PDB file of N, CA and C in Angstrom:
ATOM      1  N   MET A   1      -1.850   0.903 -13.733  1.00  0.00           N
ATOM      2  CA  MET A   1      -2.228   1.753 -12.571  1.00  0.00           C
ATOM      3  C   MET A   1      -0.920   2.590 -12.432  1.00  0.00           C
ATOM      4  N   ALA A   2      -0.936   3.811 -12.391  1.00  0.00           N
ATOM      5  CA  ALA A   2       0.147   4.687 -12.106  1.00  0.00           C
ATOM      6  C   ALA A   2       0.644   4.770 -10.558  1.00  0.00           C
ATOM      7  N   VAL A   3       1.860   4.988 -10.404  1.00  0.00           N
ATOM      8  CA  VAL A   3       2.318   5.154  -8.999  1.00  0.00           C
ATOM      9  C   VAL A   3       1.693   6.276  -8.408  1.00  0.00           C
ATOM     10  N   ASN A   4       1.124   6.023  -7.179  1.00  0.00           N
ATOM     11  CA  ASN A   4       0.464   7.160  -6.381  1.00  0.00           C
ATOM     12  C   ASN A   4       1.582   8.073  -5.871  1.00  0.00           C
ATOM     13  N   PRO A   5       1.532   9.329  -6.211  1.00  0.00           N
ATOM     14  CA  PRO A   5       2.624  10.215  -5.630  1.00  0.00           C
ATOM     15  C   PRO A   5       2.666  10.299  -4.215  1.00  0.00           C
ATOM     16  N   ASP A   6       1.593  10.143  -3.536  1.00  0.00           N
ATOM     17  CA  ASP A   6       1.566  10.163  -1.949  1.00  0.00           C
ATOM     18  C   ASP A   6       2.297   8.937  -1.547  1.00  0.00           C
ATOM     19  N   ARG A   7       2.106   7.750  -2.167  1.00  0.00           N
ATOM     20  CA  ARG A   7       2.800   6.564  -1.753  1.00  0.00           C
ATOM     21  C   ARG A   7       4.363   6.796  -1.971  1.00  0.00           C
ATOM     22  N   ALA A   8       4.707   7.319  -3.135  1.00  0.00           N
ATOM     23  CA  ALA A   8       6.145   7.494  -3.604  1.00  0.00           C
ATOM     24  C   ALA A   8       6.743   8.416  -2.412  1.00  0.00           C
ATOM     25  N   ALA A   9       6.076   9.525  -2.054  1.00  0.00           N
ATOM     26  CA  ALA A   9       6.567  10.504  -1.089  1.00  0.00           C
ATOM     27  C   ALA A   9       6.649   9.751   0.306  1.00  0.00           C
ATOM     28  N   VAL A  10       5.715   9.094   0.673  1.00  0.00           N
ATOM     29  CA  VAL A  10       5.716   8.377   1.994  1.00  0.00           C
ATOM     30  C   VAL A  10       6.962   7.448   1.919  1.00  0.00           C
ATOM     31  N   LEU A  11       7.059   6.626   0.881  1.00  0.00           N
ATOM     32  CA  LEU A  11       8.187   5.608   0.811  1.00  0.00           C
ATOM     33  C   LEU A  11       9.547   6.303   0.892  1.00  0.00           C
ATOM     34  N   GLU A  12       9.625   7.469   0.103  1.00  0.00           N
ATOM     35  CA  GLU A  12      10.776   8.305   0.127  1.00  0.00           C
ATOM     36  C   GLU A  12      11.230   8.774   1.564  1.00  0.00           C
ATOM     37  N   ASP A  13      10.153   9.289   2.291  1.00  0.00           N
ATOM     38  CA  ASP A  13      10.429   9.802   3.657  1.00  0.00           C
ATOM     39  C   ASP A  13      10.839   8.615   4.607  1.00  0.00           C
ATOM     40  N   ILE A  14      10.076   7.535   4.419  1.00  0.00           N
ATOM     41  CA  ILE A  14      10.417   6.330   5.326  1.00  0.00           C
ATOM     42  C   ILE A  14      11.896   5.971   4.984  1.00  0.00           C
ATOM     43  N   ARG A  15      12.301   5.772   3.804  1.00  0.00           N
ATOM     44  CA  ARG A  15      13.659   5.243   3.487  1.00  0.00           C
ATOM     45  C   ARG A  15      14.631   6.235   3.992  1.00  0.00           C
ATOM     46  N   ALA A  16      14.435   7.530   3.792  1.00  0.00           N
ATOM     47  CA  ALA A  16      15.377   8.572   4.181  1.00  0.00           C
ATOM     48  C   ALA A  16      15.699   8.474   5.751  1.00  0.00           C
ATOM     49  N   LEU A  17      14.497   8.348   6.479  1.00  0.00           N
ATOM     50  CA  LEU A  17      14.628   8.303   7.969  1.00  0.00           C
ATOM     51  C   LEU A  17      15.311   6.977   8.308  1.00  0.00           C
ATOM     52  N   ALA A  18      14.953   5.892   7.749  1.00  0.00           N
ATOM     53  CA  ALA A  18      15.410   4.559   8.150  1.00  0.00           C
ATOM     54  C   ALA A  18      16.935   4.552   7.867  1.00  0.00           C
ATOM     55  N   GLY A  19      17.376   5.270   6.924  1.00  0.00           N
ATOM     56  CA  GLY A  19      18.771   5.241   6.503  1.00  0.00           C
ATOM     57  C   GLY A  19      19.694   6.409   7.147  1.00  0.00           C
ATOM     58  N   ALA A  20      18.982   7.165   7.858  1.00  0.00           N
ATOM     59  CA  ALA A  20      19.657   8.430   8.457  1.00  0.00           C
ATOM     60  C   ALA A  20      20.461   7.923   9.712  1.00  0.00           C
ATOM     61  N   SER A  21      21.575   8.542   9.962  1.00  0.00           N
ATOM     62  CA  SER A  21      22.415   8.043  11.082  1.00  0.00           C
ATOM     63  C   SER A  21      21.683   8.484  12.432  1.00  0.00           C
ATOM     64  N   ALA A  22      21.010   9.646  12.591  1.00  0.00           N
ATOM     65  CA  ALA A  22      20.502  10.116  13.742  1.00  0.00           C
ATOM     66  C   ALA A  22      19.235  10.946  13.518  1.00  0.00           C
ATOM     67  N   PRO A  23      18.163  10.158  13.085  1.00  0.00           N
ATOM     68  CA  PRO A  23      16.902  10.844  12.775  1.00  0.00           C
ATOM     69  C   PRO A  23      16.307  11.411  14.049  1.00  0.00           C
ATOM     70  N   ALA A  24      15.535  12.495  13.979  1.00  0.00           N
ATOM     71  CA  ALA A  24      14.687  12.892  15.114  1.00  0.00           C
ATOM     72  C   ALA A  24      13.580  11.965  15.424  1.00  0.00           C
ATOM     73  N   LEU A  25      13.359  11.632  16.671  1.00  0.00           N
ATOM     74  CA  LEU A  25      12.211  10.629  16.985  1.00  0.00           C
ATOM     75  C   LEU A  25      10.837  11.186  16.558  1.00  0.00           C
ATOM     76  N   ASP A  26      10.751  12.409  16.664  1.00  0.00           N
ATOM     77  CA  ASP A  26       9.389  12.957  16.348  1.00  0.00           C
ATOM     78  C   ASP A  26       9.224  12.840  14.777  1.00  0.00           C
ATOM     79  N   ASP A  27      10.166  12.996  14.009  1.00  0.00           N
ATOM     80  CA  ASP A  27      10.136  12.811  12.594  1.00  0.00           C
ATOM     81  C   ASP A  27       9.743  11.344  12.273  1.00  0.00           C
ATOM     82  N   VAL A  28      10.452  10.499  12.959  1.00  0.00           N
ATOM     83  CA  VAL A  28      10.246   9.007  12.707  1.00  0.00           C
ATOM     84  C   VAL A  28       8.840   8.569  13.149  1.00  0.00           C
ATOM     85  N   GLU A  29       8.275   9.087  14.185  1.00  0.00           N
ATOM     86  CA  GLU A  29       7.041   8.732  14.638  1.00  0.00           C
ATOM     87  C   GLU A  29       5.975   9.286  13.722  1.00  0.00           C
ATOM     88  N   ARG A  30       6.050  10.555  13.278  1.00  0.00           N
ATOM     89  CA  ARG A  30       5.214  11.196  12.435  1.00  0.00           C
ATOM     90  C   ARG A  30       5.167  10.450  11.008  1.00  0.00           C
ATOM     91  N   THR A  31       6.331   9.988  10.575  1.00  0.00           N
ATOM     92  CA  THR A  31       6.355   9.317   9.238  1.00  0.00           C
ATOM     93  C   THR A  31       5.730   7.926   9.404  1.00  0.00           C
ATOM     94  N   LEU A  32       6.052   7.255  10.616  1.00  0.00           N
ATOM     95  CA  LEU A  32       5.421   6.006  10.866  1.00  0.00           C
ATOM     96  C   LEU A  32       3.795   6.155  10.790  1.00  0.00           C
ATOM     97  N   THR A  33       3.361   7.265  11.399  1.00  0.00           N
ATOM     98  CA  THR A  33       1.907   7.355  11.413  1.00  0.00           C
ATOM     99  C   THR A  33       1.375   7.569  10.001  1.00  0.00           C
ATOM    100  N   ASP A  34       2.055   8.456   9.298  1.00  0.00           N
ATOM    101  CA  ASP A  34       1.718   8.683   7.844  1.00  0.00           C
ATOM    102  C   ASP A  34       1.813   7.355   7.061  1.00  0.00           C
ATOM    103  N   GLY A  35       2.766   6.560   7.332  1.00  0.00           N
ATOM    104  CA  GLY A  35       2.961   5.390   6.563  1.00  0.00           C
ATOM    105  C   GLY A  35       1.777   4.342   6.918  1.00  0.00           C
ATOM    106  N   TYR A  36       1.614   4.227   8.157  1.00  0.00           N
ATOM    107  CA  TYR A  36       0.465   3.317   8.571  1.00  0.00           C
ATOM    108  C   TYR A  36      -0.885   3.722   8.073  1.00  0.00           C
ATOM    109  N   ALA A  37      -1.129   5.143   8.030  1.00  0.00           N
ATOM    110  CA  ALA A  37      -2.419   5.644   7.443  1.00  0.00           C
ATOM    111  C   ALA A  37      -2.455   5.331   5.990  1.00  0.00           C
ATOM    112  N   HIS A  38      -1.326   5.413   5.296  1.00  0.00           N
ATOM    113  CA  HIS A  38      -1.346   5.145   3.864  1.00  0.00           C
ATOM    114  C   HIS A  38      -1.573   3.646   3.640  1.00  0.00           C
ATOM    115  N   ALA A  39      -0.909   2.805   4.413  1.00  0.00           N
ATOM    116  CA  ALA A  39      -1.221   1.370   4.349  1.00  0.00           C
ATOM    117  C   ALA A  39      -2.768   1.064   4.572  1.00  0.00           C
ATOM    118  N   LEU A  40      -3.310   1.612   5.554  1.00  0.00           N
ATOM    119  CA  LEU A  40      -4.832   1.570   5.588  1.00  0.00           C
ATOM    120  C   LEU A  40      -5.654   1.851   4.407  1.00  0.00           C
ATOM    121  N   GLN A  41      -5.214   3.035   3.817  1.00  0.00           N
ATOM    122  CA  GLN A  41      -5.854   3.399   2.551  1.00  0.00           C
ATOM    123  C   GLN A  41      -5.655   2.360   1.437  1.00  0.00           C
ATOM    124  N   LEU A  42      -4.505   1.775   1.367  1.00  0.00           N
ATOM    125  CA  LEU A  42      -4.256   0.779   0.369  1.00  0.00           C
ATOM    126  C   LEU A  42      -4.990  -0.459   0.707  1.00  0.00           C
ATOM    127  N   GLU A  43      -5.079  -0.871   1.905  1.00  0.00           N
ATOM    128  CA  GLU A  43      -5.902  -2.140   2.312  1.00  0.00           C
ATOM    129  C   GLU A  43      -7.373  -1.850   1.934  1.00  0.00           C
ATOM    130  N   SER A  44      -7.880  -0.651   2.189  1.00  0.00           N
ATOM    131  CA  SER A  44      -9.242  -0.368   1.878  1.00  0.00           C
ATOM    132  C   SER A  44      -9.520  -0.428   0.329  1.00  0.00           C
ATOM    133  N   GLU A  45      -8.535   0.148  -0.477  1.00  0.00           N
ATOM    134  CA  GLU A  45      -8.685  -0.058  -1.805  1.00  0.00           C
ATOM    135  C   GLU A  45      -8.623  -1.365  -2.352  1.00  0.00           C
ATOM    136  N   ARG A  46      -7.681  -2.109  -1.797  1.00  0.00           N
ATOM    137  CA  ARG A  46      -7.631  -3.611  -2.099  1.00  0.00           C
ATOM    138  C   ARG A  46      -8.870  -4.343  -1.770  1.00  0.00           C
ATOM    139  N   LEU A  47      -9.458  -4.041  -0.679  1.00  0.00           N
ATOM    140  CA  LEU A  47     -10.791  -4.704  -0.298  1.00  0.00           C
ATOM    141  C   LEU A  47     -11.884  -4.322  -1.264  1.00  0.00           C
ATOM    142  N   ARG A  48     -11.915  -3.100  -1.631  1.00  0.00           N
ATOM    143  CA  ARG A  48     -12.950  -2.637  -2.575  1.00  0.00           C
ATOM    144  C   ARG A  48     -12.694  -3.313  -4.002  1.00  0.00           C
ATOM    145  N   LEU A  49     -11.537  -3.446  -4.488  1.00  0.00           N
ATOM    146  CA  LEU A  49     -11.251  -4.052  -5.667  1.00  0.00           C
ATOM    147  C   LEU A  49     -11.565  -5.495  -5.619  1.00  0.00           C
ATOM    148  N   GLN A  50     -11.205  -6.169  -4.447  1.00  0.00           N
ATOM    149  CA  GLN A  50     -11.518  -7.603  -4.375  1.00  0.00           C
ATOM    150  C   GLN A  50     -12.996  -7.873  -4.315  1.00  0.00           C
ATOM    151  N   ARG A  51     -13.690  -7.047  -3.601  1.00  0.00           N
ATOM    152  CA  ARG A  51     -15.190  -7.202  -3.660  1.00  0.00           C
ATOM    153  C   ARG A  51     -15.728  -7.055  -5.001  1.00  0.00           C
ATOM    154  N   ARG A  52     -15.299  -5.993  -5.724  1.00  0.00           N
ATOM    155  CA  ARG A  52     -15.850  -5.775  -7.078  1.00  0.00           C
ATOM    156  C   ARG A  52     -15.442  -6.939  -7.948  1.00  0.00           C
ATOM    157  N   LEU A  53     -14.238  -7.462  -7.815  1.00  0.00           N
ATOM    158  CA  LEU A  53     -13.846  -8.706  -8.586  1.00  0.00           C
ATOM    159  C   LEU A  53     -14.747  -9.886  -8.242  1.00  0.00           C
ATOM    160  N   GLU A  54     -15.070 -10.102  -7.054  1.00  0.00           N
ATOM    161  CA  GLU A  54     -15.877 -11.138  -6.686  1.00  0.00           C
ATOM    162  C   GLU A  54     -17.328 -10.923  -7.301  1.00  0.00           C
ATOM    163  N   GLN A  55     -17.839  -9.722  -7.208  1.00  0.00           N
ATOM    164  CA  GLN A  55     -19.114  -9.509  -7.932  1.00  0.00           C
ATOM    165  C   GLN A  55     -19.106  -9.750  -9.300  1.00  0.00           C
ATOM    166  N   GLN A  56     -18.045  -9.327 -10.005  1.00  0.00           N
ATOM    167  CA  GLN A  56     -17.936  -9.555 -11.537  1.00  0.00           C
ATOM    168  C   GLN A  56     -17.833 -11.041 -11.874  1.00  0.00           C
ATOM    169  N   ALA A  57     -17.025 -11.724 -10.943  1.00  0.00           N
ATOM    170  CA  ALA A  57     -16.899 -13.151 -11.283  1.00  0.00           C
ATOM    171  C   ALA A  57     -18.232 -13.915 -11.009  1.00  0.00           C
ATOM    172  N   GLY A  58     -18.955 -13.432 -10.052  1.00  0.00           N
ATOM    173  CA  GLY A  58     -20.286 -14.069  -9.815  1.00  0.00           C
ATOM    174  C   GLY A  58     -21.283 -13.775 -10.840  1.00  0.00           C
ATOM    175  N   ALA A  59     -21.091 -12.695 -11.562  1.00  0.00           N
ATOM    176  CA  ALA A  59     -22.010 -12.296 -12.703  1.00  0.00           C
ATOM    177  C   ALA A  59     -21.619 -12.752 -14.008  1.00  0.00           C
ATOM    178  N   LEU A  60     -20.677 -13.699 -14.061  1.00  0.00           N
ATOM    179  CA  LEU A  60     -20.178 -14.273 -15.330  1.00  0.00           C
ATOM    180  C   LEU A  60     -21.421 -14.838 -16.086  1.00  0.00           C
ATOM    181  N   GLY A  61     -21.520 -14.460 -17.379  1.00  0.00           N
ATOM    182  CA  GLY A  61     -22.557 -14.974 -18.125  1.00  0.00           C
ATOM    183  C   GLY A  61     -23.670 -13.881 -18.393  1.00  0.00           C
ATOM    184  N   THR A  62     -23.677 -12.787 -17.679  1.00  0.00           N
ATOM    185  CA  THR A  62     -24.620 -11.860 -17.799  1.00  0.00           C
ATOM    186  C   THR A  62     -24.354 -10.676 -18.926  1.00  0.00           C
ATOM    187  N   LYS A  63     -22.995 -10.578 -19.189  1.00  0.00           N
ATOM    188  CA  LYS A  63     -22.625  -9.604 -20.085  1.00  0.00           C
ATOM    189  C   LYS A  63     -21.892 -10.338 -21.291  1.00  0.00           C
ATOM    190  N   PRO A  64     -21.599  -9.596 -22.387  1.00  0.00           N
ATOM    191  CA  PRO A  64     -20.716 -10.218 -23.353  1.00  0.00           C
ATOM    192  C   PRO A  64     -19.392 -10.639 -22.850  1.00  0.00           C
ATOM    193  N   PRO A  65     -18.883 -11.881 -23.225  1.00  0.00           N
ATOM    194  CA  PRO A  65     -17.670 -12.349 -22.628  1.00  0.00           C
ATOM    195  C   PRO A  65     -16.470 -11.426 -22.730  1.00  0.00           C
ATOM    196  N   SER A  66     -16.398 -10.611 -23.785  1.00  0.00           N
ATOM    197  CA  SER A  66     -15.128  -9.657 -23.950  1.00  0.00           C
ATOM    198  C   SER A  66     -15.271  -8.698 -22.889  1.00  0.00           C
ATOM    199  N   ASP A  67     -16.492  -8.071 -22.567  1.00  0.00           N
ATOM    200  CA  ASP A  67     -16.652  -7.110 -21.496  1.00  0.00           C
ATOM    201  C   ASP A  67     -16.288  -7.647 -20.176  1.00  0.00           C
ATOM    202  N   GLN A  68     -16.662  -8.885 -19.888  1.00  0.00           N
ATOM    203  CA  GLN A  68     -16.430  -9.515 -18.593  1.00  0.00           C
ATOM    204  C   GLN A  68     -15.051  -9.722 -18.416  1.00  0.00           C
ATOM    205  N   VAL A  69     -14.349 -10.263 -19.407  1.00  0.00           N
ATOM    206  CA  VAL A  69     -12.909 -10.665 -19.228  1.00  0.00           C
ATOM    207  C   VAL A  69     -12.080  -9.328 -19.071  1.00  0.00           C
ATOM    208  N   ALA A  70     -12.384  -8.372 -19.786  1.00  0.00           N
ATOM    209  CA  ALA A  70     -11.582  -7.096 -19.654  1.00  0.00           C
ATOM    210  C   ALA A  70     -11.792  -6.513 -18.259  1.00  0.00           C
ATOM    211  N   GLU A  71     -13.017  -6.548 -17.772  1.00  0.00           N
ATOM    212  CA  GLU A  71     -13.223  -5.874 -16.400  1.00  0.00           C
ATOM    213  C   GLU A  71     -12.533  -6.773 -15.346  1.00  0.00           C
ATOM    214  N   ILE A  72     -12.768  -8.033 -15.379  1.00  0.00           N
ATOM    215  CA  ILE A  72     -12.175  -8.981 -14.434  1.00  0.00           C
ATOM    216  C   ILE A  72     -10.649  -8.944 -14.479  1.00  0.00           C
ATOM    217  N   THR A  73     -10.171  -8.842 -15.582  1.00  0.00           N
ATOM    218  CA  THR A  73      -8.671  -8.770 -15.775  1.00  0.00           C
ATOM    219  C   THR A  73      -8.111  -7.410 -15.079  1.00  0.00           C
ATOM    220  N   GLY A  74      -8.703  -6.317 -15.417  1.00  0.00           N
ATOM    221  CA  GLY A  74      -8.384  -5.108 -14.853  1.00  0.00           C
ATOM    222  C   GLY A  74      -8.502  -5.132 -13.240  1.00  0.00           C
ATOM    223  N   LEU A  75      -9.539  -5.612 -12.751  1.00  0.00           N
ATOM    224  CA  LEU A  75      -9.693  -5.738 -11.350  1.00  0.00           C
ATOM    225  C   LEU A  75      -8.701  -6.612 -10.703  1.00  0.00           C
ATOM    226  N   ALA A  76      -8.373  -7.685 -11.308  1.00  0.00           N
ATOM    227  CA  ALA A  76      -7.357  -8.716 -10.845  1.00  0.00           C
ATOM    228  C   ALA A  76      -5.986  -7.994 -10.775  1.00  0.00           C
ATOM    229  N   ARG A  77      -5.796  -7.289 -11.892  1.00  0.00           N
ATOM    230  CA  ARG A  77      -4.470  -6.497 -12.005  1.00  0.00           C
ATOM    231  C   ARG A  77      -4.425  -5.484 -10.860  1.00  0.00           C
ATOM    232  N   GLY A  78      -5.472  -4.723 -10.602  1.00  0.00           N
ATOM    233  CA  GLY A  78      -5.517  -3.761  -9.532  1.00  0.00           C
ATOM    234  C   GLY A  78      -5.247  -4.304  -8.129  1.00  0.00           C
ATOM    235  N   VAL A  79      -5.913  -5.570  -7.873  1.00  0.00           N
ATOM    236  CA  VAL A  79      -5.665  -6.258  -6.642  1.00  0.00           C
ATOM    237  C   VAL A  79      -4.175  -6.603  -6.533  1.00  0.00           C
ATOM    238  N   ALA A  80      -3.668  -7.203  -7.588  1.00  0.00           N
ATOM    239  CA  ALA A  80      -2.165  -7.663  -7.553  1.00  0.00           C
ATOM    240  C   ALA A  80      -1.238  -6.447  -7.367  1.00  0.00           C
ATOM    241  N   GLU A  81      -1.472  -5.286  -8.013  1.00  0.00           N
ATOM    242  CA  GLU A  81      -0.662  -4.147  -7.905  1.00  0.00           C
ATOM    243  C   GLU A  81      -0.748  -3.510  -6.468  1.00  0.00           C
ATOM    244  N   THR A  82      -2.003  -3.609  -5.869  1.00  0.00           N
ATOM    245  CA  THR A  82      -2.272  -3.150  -4.516  1.00  0.00           C
ATOM    246  C   THR A  82      -1.434  -3.992  -3.552  1.00  0.00           C
ATOM    247  N   ASP A  83      -1.538  -5.240  -3.735  1.00  0.00           N
ATOM    248  CA  ASP A  83      -0.809  -6.251  -2.926  1.00  0.00           C
ATOM    249  C   ASP A  83       0.680  -5.881  -2.946  1.00  0.00           C
ATOM    250  N   GLY A  84       1.256  -5.614  -4.170  1.00  0.00           N
ATOM    251  CA  GLY A  84       2.647  -5.246  -4.302  1.00  0.00           C
ATOM    252  C   GLY A  84       2.993  -4.031  -3.529  1.00  0.00           C
ATOM    253  N   GLU A  85       2.216  -3.005  -3.696  1.00  0.00           N
ATOM    254  CA  GLU A  85       2.376  -1.803  -3.000  1.00  0.00           C
ATOM    255  C   GLU A  85       2.353  -1.893  -1.420  1.00  0.00           C
ATOM    256  N   LEU A  86       1.469  -2.718  -1.035  1.00  0.00           N
ATOM    257  CA  LEU A  86       1.272  -2.971   0.422  1.00  0.00           C
ATOM    258  C   LEU A  86       2.631  -3.708   0.928  1.00  0.00           C
ATOM    259  N   THR A  87       3.002  -4.705   0.237  1.00  0.00           N
ATOM    260  CA  THR A  87       4.144  -5.434   0.542  1.00  0.00           C
ATOM    261  C   THR A  87       5.409  -4.471   0.731  1.00  0.00           C
ATOM    262  N   GLU A  88       5.501  -3.734  -0.301  1.00  0.00           N
ATOM    263  CA  GLU A  88       6.661  -2.724  -0.295  1.00  0.00           C
ATOM    264  C   GLU A  88       6.558  -1.771   0.887  1.00  0.00           C
ATOM    265  N   LEU A  89       5.381  -1.120   1.144  1.00  0.00           N
ATOM    266  CA  LEU A  89       5.201  -0.252   2.152  1.00  0.00           C
ATOM    267  C   LEU A  89       5.411  -0.849   3.632  1.00  0.00           C
ATOM    268  N   ARG A  90       4.812  -2.063   3.711  1.00  0.00           N
ATOM    269  CA  ARG A  90       5.032  -2.813   4.979  1.00  0.00           C
ATOM    270  C   ARG A  90       6.522  -3.104   5.373  1.00  0.00           C
ATOM    271  N   ALA A  91       7.212  -3.408   4.329  1.00  0.00           N
ATOM    272  CA  ALA A  91       8.679  -3.743   4.506  1.00  0.00           C
ATOM    273  C   ALA A  91       9.451  -2.431   4.921  1.00  0.00           C
ATOM    274  N   ALA A  92       9.082  -1.396   4.226  1.00  0.00           N
ATOM    275  CA  ALA A  92       9.772  -0.086   4.594  1.00  0.00           C
ATOM    276  C   ALA A  92       9.318   0.312   6.059  1.00  0.00           C
ATOM    277  N   LEU A  93       8.136   0.194   6.374  1.00  0.00           N
ATOM    278  CA  LEU A  93       7.598   0.608   7.676  1.00  0.00           C
ATOM    279  C   LEU A  93       8.236  -0.304   8.712  1.00  0.00           C
ATOM    280  N   ALA A  94       8.474  -1.631   8.470  1.00  0.00           N
ATOM    281  CA  ALA A  94       9.236  -2.431   9.524  1.00  0.00           C
ATOM    282  C   ALA A  94      10.514  -1.960   9.777  1.00  0.00           C
ATOM    283  N   LEU A  95      11.293  -1.478   8.654  1.00  0.00           N
ATOM    284  CA  LEU A  95      12.634  -0.976   8.861  1.00  0.00           C
ATOM    285  C   LEU A  95      12.553   0.441   9.746  1.00  0.00           C
ATOM    286  N   LEU A  96      11.596   1.211   9.463  1.00  0.00           N
ATOM    287  CA  LEU A  96      11.513   2.495  10.214  1.00  0.00           C
ATOM    288  C   LEU A  96      10.945   2.176  11.632  1.00  0.00           C
ATOM    289  N   LYS A  97      10.214   1.170  11.894  1.00  0.00           N
ATOM    290  CA  LYS A  97       9.925   0.873  13.123  1.00  0.00           C
ATOM    291  C   LYS A  97      11.151   0.379  13.980  1.00  0.00           C
ATOM    292  N   GLU A  98      12.018  -0.330  13.361  1.00  0.00           N
ATOM    293  CA  GLU A  98      13.240  -0.789  14.027  1.00  0.00           C
ATOM    294  C   GLU A  98      14.093   0.432  14.394  1.00  0.00           C
ATOM    295  N   THR A  99      14.147   1.508  13.437  1.00  0.00           N
ATOM    296  CA  THR A  99      14.810   2.688  13.682  1.00  0.00           C
ATOM    297  C   THR A  99      14.252   3.448  14.866  1.00  0.00           C
ATOM    298  N   ALA A 100      12.885   3.552  14.991  1.00  0.00           N
ATOM    299  CA  ALA A 100      12.228   4.128  16.182  1.00  0.00           C
ATOM    300  C   ALA A 100      12.590   3.520  17.355  1.00  0.00           C
ATOM    301  N   GLN A 101      12.599   2.134  17.479  1.00  0.00           N
ATOM    302  CA  GLN A 101      12.910   1.429  18.630  1.00  0.00           C
ATOM    303  C   GLN A 101      14.246   1.611  19.082  1.00  0.00           C
ATOM    304  N   ARG A 102      15.154   1.704  18.126  1.00  0.00           N
ATOM    305  CA  ARG A 102      16.623   2.061  18.390  1.00  0.00           C
ATOM    306  C   ARG A 102      16.887   3.270  19.052  1.00  0.00           C
ATOM    307  N   ILE A 103      16.154   4.415  18.548  1.00  0.00           N
ATOM    308  CA  ILE A 103      16.438   5.835  19.044  1.00  0.00           C
ATOM    309  C   ILE A 103      15.503   6.170  20.155  1.00  0.00           C
ATOM    310  N   ARG A 104      14.485   5.461  20.467  1.00  0.00           N
ATOM    311  CA  ARG A 104      13.629   5.786  21.599  1.00  0.00           C
ATOM    312  C   ARG A 104      14.424   5.726  22.924  1.00  0.00           C
ATOM    313  N   PRO A 105      14.296   6.661  23.847  1.00  0.00           N
ATOM    314  CA  PRO A 105      14.885   6.636  25.081  1.00  0.00           C
ATOM    315  C   PRO A 105      14.353   5.485  25.907  1.00  0.00           C
ATOM    316  N   ASP A 106      15.104   4.888  26.753  1.00  0.00           N
ATOM    317  CA  ASP A 106      14.585   3.873  27.598  1.00  0.00           C
ATOM    318  C   ASP A 106      13.642   4.272  28.570  1.00  0.00           C
TER     319      ASP A 106
END
């Protein structure tokens, strides 16, 4: 699975703002919103892949074994990659959330 360019751009924005000395609160909040929206998209994709994986595993024996193994392997790989992307995105969002809390006026 190729790196999603939107994900890469969102991560780049998050990391840039989290590492900035004095980011604008509006920029931080907008980027947090974009990041959380992207995380929801990833979670949705992961759920879709997981359901499809479960369907294919439940249908074991109805197709030639090589077809089943290839499809199940691909789906499992997709779930694992999505999990990794979510972990990376959530960690970056946590840092940016700390930045937002630090720069928000009391």
